[in-house]
Protein backbone atom coordinates (compact mmCIF):
# COMPACT_ATOMS: atom_id res chain seq x y z
CA UNK A 1 -9.57 8.46 11.80
CA UNK A 2 -9.31 5.21 10.90
CA UNK A 3 -8.90 2.72 8.02
CA UNK A 4 -7.75 -0.31 6.57
CA UNK A 5 -5.13 0.36 4.16
CA UNK A 6 -3.90 -2.35 1.91
CA UNK A 7 -0.98 -2.55 -0.70
CA UNK A 8 -2.51 0.12 -3.45
CA UNK A 9 -1.45 3.40 -2.19
CA UNK A 10 -3.83 5.26 -4.78
CA UNK A 11 -6.70 3.31 -3.46
CA UNK A 12 -5.65 4.15 0.29
CA UNK A 13 -4.85 7.66 -0.32
CA UNK A 14 -8.47 8.09 -2.16
CA UNK A 15 -10.01 6.63 0.52
CA UNK A 16 -8.27 8.48 3.32
CA UNK A 17 -9.02 11.94 1.58
CA UNK A 18 -12.53 11.29 1.32
CA UNK A 19 -12.80 10.68 5.15
CA UNK A 20 -10.39 13.67 5.77
CA UNK A 21 -12.68 16.03 3.85
CA UNK A 22 -15.97 14.89 5.66
CA UNK A 23 -14.27 15.28 8.93
CA UNK A 24 -13.19 18.72 8.09
CA UNK A 25 -16.47 19.62 6.92
CA UNK A 26 -17.82 18.44 10.55
CA UNK A 27 -15.19 21.41 11.84
CA UNK A 28 -12.57 19.25 13.11
CA UNK A 29 -9.32 21.52 13.33
CA UNK A 30 -6.82 18.78 13.86
CA UNK A 31 -7.07 15.41 11.83
CA UNK A 32 -5.01 12.45 12.97
CA UNK A 33 -4.40 9.51 10.64
CA UNK A 34 -3.36 6.32 11.55
CA UNK A 35 0.27 4.41 11.49
CA UNK A 36 1.13 3.24 7.82
CA UNK A 37 -2.49 4.78 6.86
CA UNK A 38 -1.27 4.91 3.27
CA UNK A 39 0.30 1.64 2.60
CA UNK A 40 0.60 -1.73 4.24
CA UNK A 41 2.92 -4.15 2.69
CA UNK A 42 2.92 -7.83 3.01
CA UNK A 43 6.38 -8.03 3.70
CA UNK A 44 9.05 -5.70 4.96
CA UNK A 45 11.05 -6.00 1.88
CA UNK A 46 8.43 -4.18 -0.19
CA UNK A 47 8.89 -1.11 2.31
CA UNK A 48 12.43 -0.90 1.78
CA UNK A 49 12.17 -1.57 -2.47
CA UNK A 50 9.63 1.62 -2.60
CA UNK A 51 11.34 3.71 0.06
CA UNK A 52 12.05 7.26 -0.88
CA UNK A 53 12.30 10.95 0.83
CA UNK A 54 9.77 12.49 2.65
CA UNK A 55 9.12 15.57 -0.11
CA UNK A 56 8.89 12.30 -2.48
CA UNK A 57 6.52 10.58 -0.62
CA UNK A 58 3.08 10.34 -2.56
CA UNK A 59 1.36 10.48 1.09
CA UNK A 60 2.97 13.73 1.90
CA UNK A 61 2.19 15.29 -1.49
CA UNK A 62 -1.31 14.25 -0.87
CA UNK A 63 -1.47 15.36 2.24
CA UNK A 64 -0.25 18.96 1.27
CA UNK A 65 -3.36 18.94 -0.79
CA UNK A 66 -5.47 17.89 1.46
CA UNK A 67 -4.89 20.84 4.18
CA UNK A 68 -4.81 23.35 1.57
CA UNK A 69 -8.39 22.35 0.71
CA UNK A 70 -9.54 21.85 3.92
CA UNK A 71 -7.61 24.49 6.22
CA UNK A 72 -6.78 22.15 8.92
CA UNK A 73 -4.00 20.81 11.13
CA UNK A 74 -3.30 17.29 9.88
CA UNK A 75 -1.09 14.38 11.48
CA UNK A 76 0.47 12.13 9.04
CA UNK A 77 0.01 9.14 11.70
CA UNK A 78 3.28 7.46 10.00
CA UNK A 79 4.66 6.84 6.62
CA UNK A 80 7.74 4.87 5.62
CA UNK A 81 10.48 7.22 5.08
CA UNK A 82 13.93 6.36 3.57
CA UNK A 83 16.78 6.13 6.40
CA UNK A 84 20.54 5.62 6.49
CA UNK A 85 21.82 2.26 6.14
CA UNK A 86 19.23 0.69 3.48
CA UNK A 87 16.50 1.12 6.14
CA UNK A 88 13.42 3.36 6.58
CA UNK A 89 12.18 5.51 9.23
CA UNK A 90 8.44 4.79 10.45
CA UNK A 91 7.70 8.66 10.54
CA UNK A 92 4.71 10.88 12.14
CA UNK A 93 4.58 14.20 10.93
CA UNK A 94 2.31 17.04 12.00
CA UNK A 95 1.54 19.28 9.08
CA UNK A 96 0.41 22.82 9.31
CA UNK A 97 -2.93 24.28 7.18
CA UNK A 98 -0.37 25.87 4.57
CA UNK A 99 1.28 22.28 3.96
CA UNK A 100 4.42 22.72 5.94
CA UNK A 101 5.82 20.62 8.43
CA UNK A 102 5.46 21.51 12.27
CA UNK A 103 7.35 18.35 13.47
CA UNK A 104 8.55 15.06 12.77
CA UNK A 105 8.96 11.85 15.01
CA UNK A 106 10.59 8.80 14.02
CA UNK A 107 9.36 5.63 16.03
CA UNK A 108 11.56 5.01 18.95
CA UNK A 109 10.46 1.53 20.31
CA UNK A 110 10.10 -0.81 17.38
CA UNK A 111 7.67 -3.63 17.37
CA UNK A 112 10.13 -6.76 17.88
CA UNK A 113 7.56 -9.64 19.41
CA UNK A 114 6.71 -13.19 19.02
CA UNK A 115 2.75 -13.76 20.05
CA UNK A 116 1.73 -17.10 21.60
CA UNK A 117 -0.31 -17.94 18.76
CA UNK A 118 2.63 -18.03 16.41
CA UNK A 119 2.41 -14.52 15.00
CA UNK A 120 5.80 -13.09 14.68
CA UNK A 121 7.10 -9.55 13.93
CA UNK A 122 10.64 -7.94 13.73
CA UNK A 123 9.78 -4.16 12.68
CA UNK A 124 13.66 -3.46 13.45
CA UNK A 125 14.51 -5.83 10.45
CA UNK A 126 13.64 -2.97 7.97
CA UNK A 127 13.01 -0.13 10.46
CA UNK A 128 15.63 2.18 11.95
CA UNK A 129 14.68 3.46 15.13
CA UNK A 130 14.24 7.21 16.19
CA UNK A 131 16.35 8.65 18.94
CA UNK A 132 14.68 11.68 19.88
CA UNK A 133 11.04 12.11 21.71
CA UNK A 134 9.37 15.36 19.92
CA UNK A 135 7.13 17.87 21.08
CA UNK A 136 5.18 20.21 18.28
CA UNK A 137 3.41 23.62 19.34
CA UNK A 138 0.10 23.82 18.09
CA UNK A 139 -2.63 26.81 18.60
CA UNK A 140 -4.32 24.81 21.40
CA UNK A 141 -1.15 23.73 23.13
CA UNK A 142 1.89 21.24 22.75
CA UNK A 143 1.30 17.88 20.77
CA UNK A 144 3.96 14.96 22.06
CA UNK A 145 4.05 12.49 19.12
CA UNK A 146 4.62 8.83 19.28
CA UNK A 147 3.64 5.97 17.40
CA UNK A 148 2.02 2.44 18.18
CA UNK A 149 3.89 0.22 20.58
CA UNK A 150 5.46 3.39 22.04
CA UNK A 151 2.36 2.99 24.31
CA UNK A 152 4.19 0.32 26.02
CA UNK A 153 6.66 2.48 27.54
CA UNK A 154 5.39 4.85 29.77
CA UNK A 155 8.58 6.72 30.66
CA UNK A 156 8.36 8.41 27.11
CA UNK A 157 4.84 9.57 27.70
CA UNK A 158 6.11 10.76 31.35
CA UNK A 159 8.79 12.54 29.76
CA UNK A 160 6.52 14.40 27.20
CA UNK A 161 4.12 15.24 29.96
CA UNK A 162 6.81 16.89 32.05
CA UNK A 163 8.13 18.95 29.41
CA UNK A 164 4.63 20.33 28.71
CA UNK A 165 2.71 18.03 26.45
CA UNK A 166 -1.15 18.71 26.62
CA UNK A 167 -2.02 15.93 24.11
CA UNK A 168 0.08 13.01 22.97
CA UNK A 169 -0.91 11.64 19.72
CA UNK A 170 -0.68 7.33 19.53
CA UNK A 171 -1.05 6.57 15.70
CA UNK A 172 -1.13 2.80 15.36
CA UNK A 173 -1.63 -0.56 13.56
CA UNK A 174 -2.31 -2.46 16.50
CA UNK A 175 -3.03 -6.35 15.91
CA UNK A 176 -6.30 -7.70 16.85
CA UNK A 177 -5.08 -10.02 19.08
CA UNK A 178 -2.89 -7.50 21.21
CA UNK A 179 -5.59 -4.84 20.75
CA UNK A 180 -8.44 -6.70 22.09
CA UNK A 181 -6.22 -7.41 25.02
CA UNK A 182 -4.41 -4.35 25.59
CA UNK A 183 -5.50 -1.03 23.53
CA UNK A 184 -7.97 0.65 25.83
CA UNK A 185 -6.17 -0.12 29.17
CA UNK A 186 -2.89 1.10 27.64
CA UNK A 187 -4.20 4.14 26.55
CA UNK A 188 -6.39 5.05 29.37
CA UNK A 189 -3.38 4.38 31.75
CA UNK A 190 -1.10 7.18 29.53
CA UNK A 191 -3.67 9.61 29.80
CA UNK A 192 -4.30 9.27 33.47
CA UNK A 193 -0.37 8.99 34.15
CA UNK A 194 0.10 12.17 32.47
CA UNK A 195 -2.76 14.15 32.60
CA UNK A 196 -3.19 14.81 28.73
CA UNK A 197 -5.29 14.15 26.26
CA UNK A 198 -4.83 11.13 24.00
CA UNK A 199 -5.27 10.78 20.43
CA UNK A 200 -5.08 7.46 19.17
CA UNK A 201 -6.19 6.96 15.66
CA UNK A 202 -5.61 2.91 14.40
CA UNK A 203 -5.90 1.11 11.52
CA UNK A 204 -8.90 -1.41 11.17
CA UNK A 205 -10.13 -4.58 9.32
CA UNK A 206 -8.20 -7.66 7.65
CA UNK A 207 -5.95 -7.66 4.52
CA UNK A 208 -6.35 -9.87 1.99
CA UNK A 209 -3.20 -11.85 3.26
CA UNK A 210 -4.61 -12.36 6.35
CA UNK A 211 -3.37 -9.28 8.72
CA UNK A 212 -6.10 -8.03 10.81
CA UNK A 213 -5.99 -4.74 12.69
CA UNK A 214 -7.74 -3.69 15.85
CA UNK A 215 -9.33 -0.44 14.99
CA UNK A 216 -10.98 1.28 17.90
CA UNK A 217 -9.35 4.93 17.19
CA UNK A 218 -9.87 6.51 20.77
CA UNK A 219 -9.96 10.11 21.99
CA UNK A 220 -9.35 10.03 25.69
CA UNK A 221 -9.49 12.93 28.13
CA UNK A 222 -7.12 13.88 31.01
CA UNK A 223 -9.04 12.03 33.30
CA UNK A 224 -9.00 8.82 31.48
CA UNK A 225 -12.47 9.20 29.93
CA UNK A 226 -13.38 7.91 26.59
CA UNK A 227 -14.78 10.67 24.71
CA UNK A 228 -15.22 8.80 21.31
CA UNK A 229 -14.38 5.21 20.08
CA UNK A 230 -14.16 4.20 16.54
CA UNK A 231 -15.24 0.75 16.58
CA UNK A 232 -14.00 -1.62 14.40
CA UNK A 233 -15.36 0.05 10.58
CA UNK A 234 -13.61 2.67 8.55
CA UNK A 235 -14.43 5.99 9.42
CA UNK A 236 -13.97 8.93 11.86
CA UNK A 237 -14.52 10.10 15.28
CA UNK A 238 -14.80 13.73 16.65
CA UNK A 239 -14.76 15.23 19.78
CA UNK A 240 -14.74 19.07 21.37
CA UNK A 241 -11.38 19.33 23.38
CA UNK A 242 -10.78 21.96 26.46
CA UNK A 243 -7.14 22.28 26.76
CA UNK A 244 -7.59 23.97 30.29
CA UNK A 245 -8.63 20.64 31.54
CA UNK A 246 -5.03 19.46 31.33
CA UNK A 247 -4.19 21.97 34.16
CA UNK A 248 -7.22 21.44 36.40
CA UNK A 249 -6.62 17.68 36.37
CA UNK A 250 -2.51 17.88 37.27
CA UNK A 251 -3.92 20.52 39.94
CA UNK A 252 -6.19 17.72 41.43
CA UNK A 253 -3.41 14.69 40.83
CA UNK A 254 0.01 16.23 40.32
CA UNK A 255 1.60 13.11 39.50
CA UNK A 256 3.40 14.53 36.67
CA UNK A 257 5.52 17.06 38.80
CA UNK A 258 5.50 14.85 42.22
CA UNK A 259 7.74 11.79 40.60
CA UNK A 260 10.26 10.90 43.22
CA UNK A 261 13.80 9.26 42.91
CA UNK A 262 14.44 6.02 44.52
CA UNK A 263 16.68 3.04 44.82
CA UNK A 264 15.91 -0.36 44.53
CA UNK A 265 16.86 -2.74 47.57
CA UNK A 266 17.30 -6.29 46.97
CA UNK A 267 17.63 -8.94 49.52
């Protein structure tokens, strides 16, 4: 699913809720939401001022109501959650149909970049980095949890695959500039390298203060084929998934289990 979240959480949740219900009516069993789908603020200070625990977060409470109504698994792509030291975690949460949490993951790799056209982002100013990779059990196999900028660090994805991931989620709010250049290539590479399905829900559209996100939510199979692409508008994509394909692809190309140790020689 993809949306264009702004700084009004009530409106964001209302729009997301309608899309989740529609997807559930089309028999979606697992619905994945983007990074910060419930709220994108203009400044990092606003996240810190509004920081709260998971259980007190409006998006978490709203998600419990949604899964109760829809009977589906729901990935809260990420929400800002209060952390120690005056910062927040950028946290992804997998929720069961009964509203309980299967697993949660705090984003490890934070988006600290200076893009050539003058755009600069310092996620670490407000976000505390996570330290643990996370695998969640689902009825269909193991789901590895990642978020956005993590996708540029293939060692994380390889580790998840080596430890049994069948699917890997990559909720994101990729910038329009980096998305156009790298989004499809990076996600296809992660699928091919790991032999996993990739579920990558992304934010789309432009905010009133100018921030422009790329959209193009993707579902990619373990062979690297794009099964669905959300384009640049709000909505959702849906695809049938065959978990047995993970094993078949890894038998043909056993890259996950064939990695060899080596040393670097310098002259």
